[in-house]
Protein backbone atom coordinates (compact mmCIF):
# COMPACT_ATOMS: atom_id res chain seq x y z
CA MET A 1 2.84 -20.29 12.43
CA PHE A 2 5.25 -22.54 14.27
CA THR A 3 5.01 -24.54 17.46
CA ALA A 4 7.27 -24.48 20.47
CA GLY A 5 7.92 -27.31 22.88
CA LEU A 6 7.33 -27.30 26.61
CA PRO A 7 9.19 -29.02 29.41
CA SER A 8 8.23 -32.65 29.84
CA ARG A 9 5.05 -32.94 31.83
CA PRO A 10 2.63 -35.62 32.95
CA ARG A 11 -0.53 -36.24 30.98
CA PHE A 12 -3.76 -34.98 32.47
CA THR A 13 -6.34 -37.32 33.85
CA ASP A 14 -10.07 -36.67 34.03
CA ASP A 15 -10.01 -35.78 37.72
CA ALA A 16 -11.18 -32.49 39.21
CA SER A 17 -7.71 -30.99 39.27
CA SER A 18 -7.50 -30.67 35.50
CA VAL A 19 -8.87 -27.61 33.77
CA HIS A 20 -8.50 -29.29 30.41
CA GLU A 21 -11.32 -31.82 30.70
CA ASP A 22 -12.74 -32.40 27.20
CA ASP A 23 -10.18 -29.89 25.92
CA ASP A 24 -12.61 -27.03 26.52
CA LEU A 25 -10.06 -24.28 27.20
CA MET A 26 -7.77 -22.19 25.04
CA VAL A 27 -5.12 -19.92 26.53
CA ILE A 28 -4.00 -16.98 24.41
CA GLY A 29 -0.82 -15.17 25.41
CA ILE A 30 -0.20 -11.61 24.20
CA ASP A 31 3.12 -9.82 24.49
CA PHE A 32 2.13 -6.18 23.93
CA GLY A 33 5.46 -4.45 23.44
CA THR A 34 6.64 -0.88 22.96
CA THR A 35 7.97 -1.51 19.45
CA TYR A 36 6.81 -5.04 18.57
CA SER A 37 4.05 -7.33 19.81
CA GLY A 38 3.54 -11.07 19.61
CA ALA A 39 0.92 -13.70 20.31
CA ALA A 40 0.78 -17.42 21.03
CA TRP A 41 -1.97 -19.88 21.86
CA ALA A 42 -2.65 -23.44 22.94
CA THR A 43 -5.62 -25.62 23.74
CA GLY A 44 -5.56 -27.92 26.74
CA GLU A 45 -4.72 -30.82 24.44
CA ASP A 46 -1.87 -28.83 22.88
CA PHE A 47 -0.42 -27.97 26.26
CA ALA A 48 -0.66 -31.58 27.43
CA SER A 49 1.30 -32.53 24.31
CA ASN A 50 4.06 -29.97 25.03
CA GLN A 51 2.93 -27.68 22.21
CA ILE A 52 2.49 -23.90 22.10
CA ASN A 53 1.52 -22.31 18.77
CA MET A 54 3.19 -19.04 17.75
CA ILE A 55 1.53 -16.62 15.35
CA THR A 56 4.11 -15.81 12.66
CA SER A 57 1.99 -14.64 9.70
CA TRP A 58 0.76 -11.04 9.68
CA PRO A 59 -1.30 -8.83 7.37
CA GLY A 60 0.89 -6.73 5.10
CA THR A 61 3.90 -9.03 4.86
CA GLY A 62 4.61 -12.34 3.18
CA ARG A 63 7.50 -13.13 5.52
CA GLU A 64 7.18 -15.22 8.63
CA GLU A 65 7.83 -12.94 11.59
CA GLY A 66 7.68 -13.73 15.29
CA LYS A 67 6.28 -10.29 16.03
CA VAL A 68 4.38 -7.41 14.45
CA PRO A 69 5.26 -3.69 14.77
CA THR A 70 3.29 -1.97 17.54
CA GLU A 71 2.27 0.87 15.25
CA LEU A 72 -0.98 2.52 14.13
CA PHE A 73 -1.86 4.79 11.23
CA TYR A 74 -5.14 6.67 11.06
CA GLU A 75 -6.36 7.72 7.61
CA HIS A 76 -9.85 9.16 7.57
CA SER A 77 -12.03 6.42 9.10
CA GLN A 78 -9.56 3.63 8.40
CA ILE A 79 -7.10 2.26 10.96
CA MET A 80 -4.02 0.46 9.68
CA TRP A 81 -1.70 -1.45 11.96
CA GLY A 82 1.58 -3.33 11.98
CA TYR A 83 2.97 -4.30 8.58
CA GLU A 84 -0.10 -2.88 6.80
CA ILE A 85 1.13 0.69 7.28
CA PRO A 86 2.55 2.23 4.06
CA LEU A 87 6.24 3.12 3.99
CA ASP A 88 5.47 6.80 3.37
CA ALA A 89 3.07 7.04 6.33
CA ASP A 90 3.88 8.63 9.68
CA PRO A 91 2.47 6.10 12.17
CA VAL A 92 1.81 6.46 15.88
CA ARG A 93 4.51 4.57 17.77
CA TRP A 94 5.57 3.95 21.36
CA PHE A 95 1.98 4.53 22.54
CA LYS A 96 2.47 1.90 25.23
CA LEU A 97 4.65 4.47 27.01
CA LEU A 98 1.85 7.06 26.78
CA LEU A 99 0.03 5.04 29.42
CA LEU A 100 2.63 6.12 31.98
CA LYS A 101 2.50 9.38 33.88
CA ASP A 102 5.21 11.93 33.11
CA GLU A 103 6.78 11.47 36.54
CA ASP A 104 7.33 7.77 35.74
CA LEU A 105 9.24 8.54 32.53
CA ASP A 106 12.85 9.66 32.32
CA ALA A 107 13.30 13.29 31.28
CA GLU A 108 14.93 12.18 28.02
CA VAL A 109 11.95 9.96 27.18
CA ARG A 110 9.42 12.67 28.11
CA SER A 111 11.04 15.09 25.66
CA ASN A 112 11.46 12.52 22.87
CA GLU A 113 9.85 13.70 19.62
CA ILE A 114 7.93 10.43 19.19
CA ILE A 115 6.39 10.75 22.67
CA LEU A 116 5.64 14.45 22.11
CA ARG A 117 4.02 13.67 18.77
CA GLY A 118 1.93 10.94 20.37
CA ARG A 119 0.70 13.28 23.09
CA LYS A 120 -0.05 15.92 20.45
CA MET A 121 -2.12 13.42 18.47
CA LEU A 122 -4.04 12.53 21.63
CA LYS A 123 -5.06 16.16 22.06
CA GLU A 124 -5.79 16.83 18.38
CA ASN A 125 -7.99 13.74 17.99
CA GLY A 126 -9.58 13.80 21.42
CA LYS A 127 -8.09 10.40 22.15
CA THR A 128 -6.49 8.86 25.22
CA ALA A 129 -3.56 6.47 25.46
CA ASN A 130 -6.16 3.77 26.15
CA ASP A 131 -7.77 4.54 22.78
CA PHE A 132 -4.51 3.95 20.90
CA ILE A 133 -3.86 0.74 22.83
CA SER A 134 -7.41 -0.57 22.42
CA ASP A 135 -7.34 0.17 18.66
CA PHE A 136 -4.14 -1.84 18.31
CA LEU A 137 -5.29 -4.68 20.55
CA ARG A 138 -8.61 -4.88 18.67
CA ALA A 139 -6.80 -5.36 15.35
CA LEU A 140 -4.39 -7.85 16.93
CA TRP A 141 -7.25 -9.78 18.55
CA VAL A 142 -9.19 -10.06 15.27
CA HIS A 143 -6.07 -11.44 13.58
CA ILE A 144 -5.43 -13.90 16.42
CA LEU A 145 -8.96 -15.28 16.15
CA GLU A 146 -8.75 -15.51 12.35
CA THR A 147 -5.46 -17.40 12.61
CA VAL A 148 -6.71 -19.82 15.25
CA LYS A 149 -9.98 -20.50 13.41
CA LYS A 150 -8.06 -21.10 10.20
CA SER A 151 -5.92 -23.66 12.02
CA ARG A 152 -8.58 -25.51 14.03
CA GLY A 153 -11.91 -24.67 12.43
CA GLU A 154 -14.45 -22.05 13.45
CA SER A 155 -16.89 -24.44 15.15
CA VAL A 156 -14.11 -25.97 17.27
CA VAL A 157 -12.80 -22.58 18.40
CA GLU A 158 -16.27 -21.21 19.15
CA ALA A 159 -16.82 -24.12 21.55
CA LEU A 160 -13.70 -23.30 23.58
CA SER A 161 -13.62 -20.96 26.54
CA PHE A 162 -10.82 -18.39 26.41
CA HIS A 163 -8.29 -17.38 29.03
CA VAL A 164 -6.19 -14.41 27.91
CA VAL A 165 -2.83 -13.62 29.51
CA ILE A 166 -1.29 -10.24 28.67
CA THR A 167 2.23 -9.49 29.81
CA VAL A 168 3.24 -6.13 31.29
CA PRO A 169 6.59 -4.68 32.40
CA ALA A 170 7.52 -5.60 35.96
CA ILE A 171 8.21 -1.92 36.71
CA TRP A 172 4.66 -0.84 35.86
CA LYS A 173 2.62 0.62 38.68
CA GLY A 174 -0.96 -0.29 39.46
CA TYR A 175 -2.53 2.59 37.53
CA ALA A 176 -0.81 1.45 34.32
CA ARG A 177 -2.17 -2.08 34.71
CA GLN A 178 -5.64 -0.67 35.33
CA GLY A 179 -5.28 1.38 32.16
CA MET A 180 -4.33 -1.76 30.25
CA GLU A 181 -7.35 -3.60 31.61
CA GLN A 182 -9.64 -0.80 30.41
CA ALA A 183 -8.01 -0.94 26.97
CA VAL A 184 -8.45 -4.72 26.81
CA LYS A 185 -12.16 -4.41 27.59
CA LYS A 186 -12.58 -1.60 25.07
CA ALA A 187 -10.84 -3.72 22.42
CA GLY A 188 -13.58 -6.33 22.74
CA ILE A 189 -11.27 -9.07 23.95
CA LEU A 190 -13.50 -9.80 26.94
CA ASP A 191 -16.79 -9.64 25.02
CA ARG A 192 -19.33 -12.30 25.95
CA ARG A 193 -19.10 -15.50 23.92
CA ALA A 194 -21.38 -18.51 23.64
CA ALA A 195 -18.66 -20.67 25.22
CA GLY A 196 -18.70 -18.51 28.36
CA THR A 197 -16.85 -15.64 29.96
CA THR A 198 -13.38 -14.82 28.66
CA THR A 199 -11.04 -14.44 31.63
CA LEU A 200 -8.04 -12.12 31.79
CA THR A 201 -4.75 -12.31 33.68
CA PHE A 202 -1.76 -9.98 33.64
CA ALA A 203 1.70 -11.50 33.98
CA PRO A 204 5.01 -9.71 34.58
CA GLU A 205 7.09 -9.97 31.40
CA PRO A 206 10.21 -11.41 33.09
CA GLU A 207 8.13 -14.04 34.92
CA ALA A 208 6.61 -15.14 31.61
CA ALA A 209 10.12 -15.27 30.16
CA ALA A 210 11.30 -17.42 33.06
CA LEU A 211 8.48 -19.91 32.55
CA SER A 212 9.34 -20.34 28.88
CA THR A 213 13.14 -20.39 29.14
CA LEU A 214 14.04 -22.15 32.38
CA GLY A 215 11.91 -25.10 31.38
CA GLU A 216 13.43 -25.48 27.92
CA PRO A 217 14.81 -28.94 27.09
CA GLY A 218 18.53 -29.22 27.72
CA ARG A 219 18.70 -26.85 30.68
CA LYS A 220 20.87 -28.48 33.35
CA LEU A 221 19.18 -26.95 36.37
CA LYS A 222 20.30 -27.73 39.91
CA THR A 223 18.38 -27.15 43.10
CA GLY A 224 19.71 -24.03 44.77
CA ASP A 225 21.06 -22.43 41.59
CA VAL A 226 20.05 -18.82 40.92
CA TYR A 227 19.26 -17.60 37.41
CA MET A 228 18.65 -14.02 36.34
CA ILE A 229 16.23 -13.39 33.50
CA CYS A 230 17.16 -10.29 31.49
CA ASP A 231 14.16 -9.31 29.39
CA ALA A 232 15.63 -6.68 27.07
CA GLY A 233 12.83 -5.38 24.91
CA GLY A 234 12.15 -2.35 22.78
CA GLY A 235 11.28 0.10 25.53
CA THR A 236 12.02 -1.51 28.86
CA VAL A 237 14.59 -3.88 30.28
CA ASP A 238 13.24 -5.99 33.15
CA LEU A 239 15.30 -8.22 35.42
CA ILE A 240 14.11 -10.95 37.72
CA SER A 241 16.14 -13.60 39.57
CA TYR A 242 14.90 -17.02 40.62
CA THR A 243 16.29 -19.69 42.90
CA ILE A 244 15.66 -23.21 41.62
CA GLY A 245 13.62 -24.70 44.47
CA GLY A 246 13.23 -28.07 42.74
CA VAL A 247 13.96 -29.61 39.35
CA ASN A 248 11.49 -32.42 38.84
CA PRO A 249 9.08 -30.70 38.55
CA ILE A 250 10.75 -27.27 38.25
CA ARG A 251 9.92 -24.92 41.12
CA LEU A 252 11.01 -21.29 41.00
CA GLU A 253 11.35 -19.01 44.02
CA GLU A 254 11.97 -15.32 43.37
CA ALA A 255 15.33 -14.63 44.97
CA VAL A 256 15.29 -10.83 45.29
CA GLU A 257 13.05 -7.99 44.22
CA GLY A 258 13.12 -7.55 40.46
CA THR A 259 14.12 -4.29 38.81
CA GLY A 260 13.74 -2.60 35.47
CA GLY A 261 14.25 0.58 33.52
CA LEU A 262 13.60 2.40 30.28
CA CYS A 263 16.77 1.38 28.44
CA GLY A 264 15.50 -0.85 25.65
CA GLY A 265 16.36 -1.16 21.97
CA ILE A 266 14.51 1.99 20.86
CA PHE A 267 17.21 4.10 22.48
CA ILE A 268 19.88 2.36 20.38
CA ASP A 269 17.78 3.15 17.30
CA GLU A 270 17.56 6.78 18.39
CA ALA A 271 21.33 6.97 18.81
CA PHE A 272 21.92 5.53 15.33
CA GLU A 273 19.41 7.96 13.80
CA ARG A 274 21.22 10.88 15.46
CA MET A 275 24.50 9.62 13.96
CA CYS A 276 22.97 9.56 10.48
CA LYS A 277 21.43 13.00 10.92
CA ALA A 278 24.71 14.45 12.14
CA ARG A 279 26.64 13.02 9.19
CA LEU A 280 24.13 13.95 6.49
CA GLY A 281 23.32 17.39 7.89
CA ARG A 282 20.81 19.25 5.70
CA ARG A 283 20.63 16.27 3.37
CA TRP A 284 18.66 14.41 6.06
CA ASP A 285 15.90 17.03 5.76
CA HIS A 286 15.46 16.09 2.08
CA LEU A 287 14.48 12.54 2.99
CA SER A 288 10.85 11.51 2.78
CA LYS A 289 9.21 9.43 5.51
CA ALA A 290 9.65 6.40 3.26
CA GLY A 291 13.33 7.26 2.81
CA ILE A 292 13.92 7.50 6.56
CA LYS A 293 12.11 4.18 7.04
CA GLU A 294 14.30 2.63 4.38
CA ILE A 295 17.36 3.58 6.43
CA MET A 296 16.02 2.86 9.90
CA LYS A 297 14.12 -0.33 9.10
CA GLY A 298 15.80 -1.86 6.07
CA GLU A 299 19.42 -0.83 6.60
CA TRP A 300 19.54 -0.70 10.40
CA GLU A 301 16.83 -2.64 12.21
CA HIS A 302 16.67 -5.62 9.83
CA ALA A 303 20.35 -5.76 8.86
CA ILE A 304 23.07 -4.11 10.94
CA LYS A 305 21.57 -3.92 14.44
CA PRO A 306 20.54 -7.60 14.95
CA GLN A 307 23.86 -8.91 13.60
CA PHE A 308 26.33 -6.39 14.97
CA THR A 309 29.25 -7.48 17.09
CA PRO A 310 32.45 -5.43 17.52
CA ARG A 311 34.76 -8.43 17.22
CA ASN A 312 36.05 -7.41 13.77
CA ARG A 313 37.31 -3.88 14.39
CA LYS A 314 38.24 -3.40 10.70
CA LYS A 315 34.83 -4.26 9.31
CA GLU A 316 32.84 -1.49 7.65
CA TYR A 317 29.07 -1.18 7.90
CA ILE A 318 27.70 0.40 4.77
CA VAL A 319 24.36 2.21 4.94
CA ARG A 320 22.74 3.08 1.62
CA ILE A 321 21.13 6.53 1.62
CA PRO A 322 18.19 7.15 -0.76
CA ALA A 323 19.16 9.38 -3.69
CA GLU A 324 16.54 11.97 -2.71
CA ALA A 325 18.78 13.07 0.17
CA PHE A 326 21.45 14.32 -2.24
CA GLY A 327 19.36 16.01 -4.90
CA LYS A 328 21.79 17.59 -7.36
CA SER A 329 24.72 17.56 -4.93
CA SER A 330 27.56 15.05 -5.01
CA LEU A 331 27.02 11.50 -3.79
CA ASP A 332 30.49 11.58 -2.27
CA ASP A 333 31.83 13.33 0.83
CA THR A 334 35.16 11.99 2.05
CA SER A 335 36.15 15.14 3.93
CA ARG A 336 35.51 13.51 7.31
CA HIS A 337 34.54 10.21 8.90
CA PRO A 338 32.36 8.34 8.48
CA GLN A 339 32.94 8.85 4.78
CA ILE A 340 30.15 9.02 2.21
CA LYS A 341 30.95 7.23 -1.04
CA ASN A 342 28.53 6.82 -3.92
CA GLY A 343 25.55 7.70 -1.70
CA ARG A 344 26.53 5.29 1.05
CA ILE A 345 27.78 6.05 4.56
CA HIS A 346 30.76 3.88 5.51
CA PHE A 347 30.50 3.40 9.28
CA THR A 348 33.36 1.79 11.18
CA SER A 349 32.77 -0.79 13.88
CA SER A 350 33.50 1.81 16.55
CA HIS A 351 30.87 4.15 15.06
CA ILE A 352 28.19 1.46 15.29
CA GLN A 353 29.37 0.39 18.73
CA SER A 354 28.86 3.92 20.03
CA ALA A 355 25.12 3.66 19.27
CA PHE A 356 24.86 0.87 21.84
CA THR A 357 26.99 2.49 24.54
CA GLU A 358 24.44 4.48 26.52
CA THR A 359 21.79 1.76 26.47
CA PHE A 360 24.27 -0.92 27.50
CA SER A 361 25.40 1.31 30.38
CA GLY A 362 21.80 1.38 31.59
CA ILE A 363 21.53 -2.41 31.30
CA ASP A 364 24.84 -2.84 33.15
CA ALA A 365 23.56 -0.68 36.00
CA LEU A 366 20.41 -2.80 36.28
CA VAL A 367 22.30 -6.11 36.14
CA ASP A 368 24.90 -4.93 38.68
CA GLY A 369 22.15 -3.75 41.01
CA GLN A 370 20.39 -7.11 40.79
CA LEU A 371 23.65 -8.95 41.44
CA GLN A 372 24.34 -6.80 44.50
CA LYS A 373 20.92 -7.72 45.88
CA THR A 374 21.63 -11.43 45.47
CA VAL A 375 25.02 -11.04 47.19
CA LYS A 376 23.29 -9.42 50.18
CA GLN A 377 21.11 -12.54 50.39
CA ASP A 378 24.22 -14.78 50.26
CA LEU A 379 23.19 -16.04 46.83
CA LYS A 380 25.34 -16.54 43.74
CA VAL A 381 23.90 -16.14 40.26
CA ALA A 382 24.81 -19.12 38.07
CA GLY A 383 23.59 -17.65 34.80
CA ILE A 384 21.88 -14.75 33.05
CA ILE A 385 19.30 -15.73 30.43
CA LEU A 386 18.67 -13.19 27.67
CA VAL A 387 15.20 -12.80 26.15
CA GLY A 388 13.32 -10.11 24.24
CA GLY A 389 14.12 -8.37 20.96
CA LEU A 390 17.30 -6.74 22.23
CA GLY A 391 17.97 -9.92 24.20
CA ALA A 392 18.65 -11.64 20.86
CA SER A 393 21.53 -9.25 20.12
CA PRO A 394 24.89 -11.04 19.72
CA TYR A 395 26.62 -7.88 20.91
CA LEU A 396 24.65 -7.81 24.17
CA TYR A 397 25.55 -11.47 24.67
CA GLU A 398 29.27 -10.82 24.12
CA HIS A 399 29.20 -7.64 26.22
CA LEU A 400 27.68 -9.35 29.27
CA LYS A 401 29.80 -12.48 28.82
CA LYS A 402 33.01 -10.44 28.88
CA LYS A 403 31.85 -8.29 31.80
CA HIS A 404 30.86 -11.20 34.06
CA ALA A 405 33.40 -13.84 33.01
CA ASP A 406 35.56 -13.38 36.13
CA ALA A 407 32.52 -13.91 38.36
CA GLY A 408 31.83 -17.27 36.69
CA ILE A 409 28.36 -16.20 35.54
CA GLU A 410 27.22 -17.96 32.39
CA ILE A 411 25.34 -15.91 29.77
CA LEU A 412 22.65 -17.93 27.98
CA GLN A 413 20.94 -16.93 24.73
CA SER A 414 18.72 -19.14 22.56
CA GLY A 415 18.88 -18.91 18.78
CA GLY A 416 16.32 -17.99 16.13
CA MET A 417 12.98 -16.53 17.18
CA ARG A 418 13.05 -17.97 20.68
CA PRO A 419 14.39 -14.91 22.55
CA ARG A 420 11.87 -12.63 20.78
CA THR A 421 8.93 -14.97 21.39
CA ALA A 422 9.80 -16.09 24.93
CA ILE A 423 7.35 -13.68 26.57
CA CYS A 424 4.19 -14.73 24.73
CA ARG A 425 5.11 -18.42 24.99
CA GLY A 426 5.57 -17.95 28.73
CA ALA A 427 2.26 -16.13 28.92
CA VAL A 428 0.50 -19.23 27.60
CA THR A 429 2.32 -21.40 30.14
CA LYS A 430 1.34 -18.96 32.89
CA GLY A 431 -2.29 -19.17 31.78
CA PHE A 432 -2.43 -22.93 32.10
CA LEU A 433 -0.38 -23.24 35.25
CA GLY A 434 -2.43 -20.56 36.97
CA GLY A 435 -5.43 -22.85 36.95
CA ILE A 436 -3.92 -26.23 36.27
CA CYS A 437 -4.80 -27.51 39.71
CA ALA A 438 -7.72 -25.31 40.59
CA GLY A 439 -9.19 -28.12 42.62
CA SER A 440 -12.64 -27.67 44.10
CA ALA A 441 -14.64 -24.52 44.68
CA SER A 442 -13.25 -24.42 48.20
CA GLY A 443 -9.77 -23.52 46.94
CA PRO A 444 -6.64 -24.72 45.17
CA ASP A 445 -5.65 -28.36 45.41
CA TYR A 446 -2.00 -27.96 46.44
CA ALA A 447 -1.38 -31.69 46.68
CA ALA A 448 -2.32 -32.07 43.03
CA PHE A 449 -0.48 -28.84 42.23
CA GLU A 450 2.82 -30.39 43.37
CA THR A 451 2.53 -33.24 40.89
CA CYS A 452 0.72 -31.92 37.83
CA SER A 453 2.54 -28.73 36.81
CA PRO A 454 5.94 -29.04 35.07
CA ILE A 455 7.17 -25.57 36.06
CA GLN A 456 5.75 -23.02 38.45
CA VAL A 457 6.71 -19.86 40.31
CA ILE A 458 5.87 -20.75 43.91
CA SER A 459 6.96 -17.55 45.63
CA THR A 460 7.53 -13.92 44.71
CA VAL A 461 9.06 -10.83 46.30
CA SER A 462 6.66 -7.94 46.80
CA ARG A 463 7.33 -4.75 44.78
CA PHE A 464 5.32 -2.68 47.25
CA SER A 465 3.72 -2.89 50.67
CA LEU A 466 0.08 -3.94 51.00
CA GLY A 467 -2.11 -3.16 53.98
CA VAL A 468 -5.46 -1.98 55.27
CA THR A 469 -6.46 1.26 56.92
CA THR A 470 -7.30 0.84 60.57
CA LYS A 471 -7.97 2.64 63.84
CA SER A 472 -5.53 1.56 66.55
CA LEU A 473 -5.87 1.98 70.30
CA PHE A 474 -4.43 5.42 70.95
CA ASP A 475 -0.93 5.48 72.42
CA GLU A 476 0.50 8.87 73.42
CA SER A 477 4.03 7.66 72.68
CA LYS A 478 3.21 6.42 69.17
CA HIS A 479 0.38 8.45 67.70
CA LEU A 480 -0.23 12.08 66.76
CA GLN A 481 -2.75 14.10 68.74
CA GLU A 482 -4.45 15.12 65.50
CA ASP A 483 -5.30 11.44 64.88
CA LYS A 484 -6.91 10.95 68.30
CA GLU A 485 -10.66 10.29 68.18
CA TRP A 486 -13.32 8.75 70.41
CA ASP A 487 -14.71 5.35 69.42
CA SER A 488 -18.30 5.45 70.65
CA GLU A 489 -18.93 1.81 69.80
CA GLU A 490 -16.14 0.35 71.95
CA GLU A 491 -15.89 3.45 74.19
CA VAL A 492 -12.12 3.84 73.84
CA TRP A 493 -9.76 6.44 72.38
CA ARG A 494 -8.36 5.44 69.01
CA ALA A 495 -5.84 6.75 66.47
CA ARG A 496 -7.38 7.14 63.04
CA ASN A 497 -5.43 7.24 59.74
CA GLN A 498 -3.34 4.22 60.70
CA VAL A 499 -2.22 1.42 58.37
CA ARG A 500 -1.65 -2.22 59.18
CA TRP A 501 0.80 -3.63 56.65
CA TYR A 502 0.15 -7.29 55.85
CA LEU A 503 2.96 -7.54 53.32
CA LYS A 504 5.93 -5.19 53.17
CA LYS A 505 8.02 -4.30 50.15
CA GLY A 506 10.82 -6.81 49.63
CA GLU A 507 9.13 -9.56 51.66
CA ASN A 508 8.60 -13.02 50.23
CA SER A 509 5.08 -14.16 49.45
CA SER A 510 4.43 -17.86 48.90
CA LYS A 511 1.43 -19.16 46.99
CA LYS A 512 1.29 -22.15 49.32
CA ASP A 513 1.46 -20.12 52.52
CA PRO A 514 -1.10 -17.30 52.43
CA ILE A 515 -0.50 -14.37 54.78
CA ARG A 516 -3.05 -14.41 57.60
CA TYR A 517 -3.81 -11.87 60.32
CA ASN A 518 -6.60 -11.87 62.84
CA PHE A 519 -8.97 -8.92 62.97
CA TYR A 520 -12.44 -8.14 64.27
CA ARG A 521 -15.27 -5.76 63.50
CA VAL A 522 -17.99 -4.46 65.80
CA TYR A 523 -21.57 -4.15 64.52
CA ARG A 524 -24.53 -2.29 65.97
CA LYS A 525 -26.93 -3.91 63.51
CA ASP A 526 -27.03 -6.55 60.83
CA SER A 527 -24.87 -5.50 57.84
CA GLY A 528 -26.54 -7.99 55.53
CA GLY A 529 -23.55 -10.31 55.56
CA LEU A 530 -21.37 -7.90 53.58
CA LEU A 531 -17.82 -7.08 54.66
CA ARG A 532 -15.90 -4.27 52.92
CA PHE A 533 -12.46 -2.85 53.58
CA GLN A 534 -9.96 -0.61 51.82
CA LEU A 535 -6.70 -2.13 50.59
CA CYS A 536 -3.85 0.35 50.22
CA GLN A 537 -0.30 0.24 48.90
CA CYS A 538 3.01 2.05 49.38
CA GLU A 539 6.23 1.94 47.36
CA ASP A 540 8.47 3.39 50.09
CA GLU A 541 11.29 1.10 51.21
CA VAL A 542 9.93 1.43 54.77
CA PRO A 543 6.16 2.07 54.73
CA PRO A 544 4.77 4.59 57.24
CA SER A 545 2.54 3.49 60.11
CA ARG A 546 -0.05 6.16 59.28
CA ILE A 547 -1.53 7.42 56.03
CA THR A 548 0.75 9.86 54.19
CA SER A 549 0.98 11.06 50.59
CA SER A 550 2.99 7.94 49.72
CA VAL A 551 0.11 5.66 50.75
CA THR A 552 -2.42 5.24 47.95
CA ASP A 553 -5.69 3.35 47.63
CA LEU A 554 -5.41 0.14 45.64
CA CYS A 555 -8.93 -1.25 45.76
CA ILE A 556 -11.92 -2.02 47.95
CA ILE A 557 -12.39 -5.67 48.80
CA SER A 558 -15.97 -6.82 49.32
CA CYS A 559 -16.94 -10.26 50.51
CA SER A 560 -20.05 -12.02 51.72
CA ILE A 561 -20.14 -13.64 55.15
CA ASP A 562 -22.12 -16.84 55.51
CA VAL A 563 -22.33 -16.59 59.31
CA PRO A 564 -25.81 -15.48 60.49
CA PHE A 565 -25.82 -12.17 62.39
CA SER A 566 -27.40 -13.95 65.36
CA ASP A 567 -24.28 -16.15 65.63
CA TYR A 568 -21.88 -13.20 65.91
CA GLU A 569 -20.06 -12.94 69.22
CA THR A 570 -21.76 -10.65 71.75
CA PHE A 571 -19.65 -7.69 72.87
CA ASN A 572 -20.40 -5.44 75.87
CA THR A 573 -18.88 -1.97 76.19
CA PRO A 574 -17.61 -0.62 79.55
CA SER A 575 -20.95 1.21 79.98
CA GLY A 576 -22.93 -1.97 79.37
CA LYS A 577 -24.01 -1.43 75.76
CA GLU A 578 -24.33 -4.62 73.78
CA HIS A 579 -22.94 -4.99 70.24
CA LYS A 580 -22.12 -7.86 67.94
CA MET A 581 -18.54 -8.71 67.02
CA LEU A 582 -17.18 -10.64 64.05
CA ARG A 583 -13.70 -12.08 64.48
């Protein structure tokens, strides 16, 4: 386990604005990734001392690793996970992607053999994607608690209340987040504890990355500068751009709507595996699962891939092939390139580079699209900060640096584990800053907020439109005849199936300036002080004014009204009927 520093921040006092009074809170950040997952934690005292603790020891390995493989292996009644899984096992992988509907996956991903095998296992075992995710999260959670208790003592940890922050891709839709929440509950993470209720927050992965990277010591931030966070992970690549709204303390304003896509590191791995299969031919079929792992993990993932850069065009990359692939045949095949000599494939730099080509093209398209959005807003990106597993690649750094040199855009990449662990470190920061100035029960204390948090996202750009269903006064020029209906309470013609959009896709939403609209409701009798209304969403660039197939229900909001029914405003209809009205 190692600790990571935070941006300089003021010490907490014992006033009401601090959630760390008596150090009674622990925030645990979980980066649940497609290929690898990580975790970090901090108590209130840790956070006040600029310290976030990374988990770097894992069952099944003696090495310190910033992350653990997001893999499961079921054998009879036993579940093995991460580094525990034997080399000759065939684990379930990529099950994070199984949470997505087919229509939200690219055709190539839908037909991938790993995805197909995962879906087959779901059917054969009567499991759901949530079951796979909850099984993994349960094992991860048990290990997190064991690690924390080992560090601080069981009695100390049991006295702390927990706030868990789990990061999710920015491109995920609402149903995927709901599925994650169900999996978290099923994993036992939110089980009742003596110290109180464990609370849960989801954070977009690139936002968490921004919180951990833009506040790092040594960053020379200037008010008005725009930075793009490129979170290049195993499955997804997410981009988000922030304008620096202030530097002391750091205030981040989302500049344009973030984007993302399925073009992460797993697709580079797939391309390399196809190259090996093509070169070995039938010999590949002789490899055991352990032999394939030896190539893909030992030779590729832990050696060539994280170090590769095409600068030295003459360099050879030698991949040792297990002897079982050759059987009694020759260990040499120099008839074509890449040549096989003594059971080793001799790849050239251009061979290896080709494995990255398609994925980098996808990343380029995302980055270019994000840059075009900033240009439309008359903004200039000062730098692109790389995070995530693929974000640590020296080749990705060099590729983007060369591509954007003429535009004067600086490419920034931290060393060591920092790019890989940026998400879970940022999740911890998000957890504390989300409640750092909770103020009184009446609402957030924004005056304290401005002085006590070292870095904060103060505004975001909506990924979809949010609104409520309503019945508008009928207008022949605006509404469809099929929506026309008589309102017997107010004795007017109304148009049903209408939507009032409070926040439209692409609009800015500030945490300091809540969106407010006036509305009223007519009552014939006392409702018991309960107000309920349907909140809906739409991902269309221009949301429709009436309910269509693109408008979906998000949730029902229920709230209690403390105004007595007798104090409601009296409303008289044209015919003289008396009702009550709440405005």
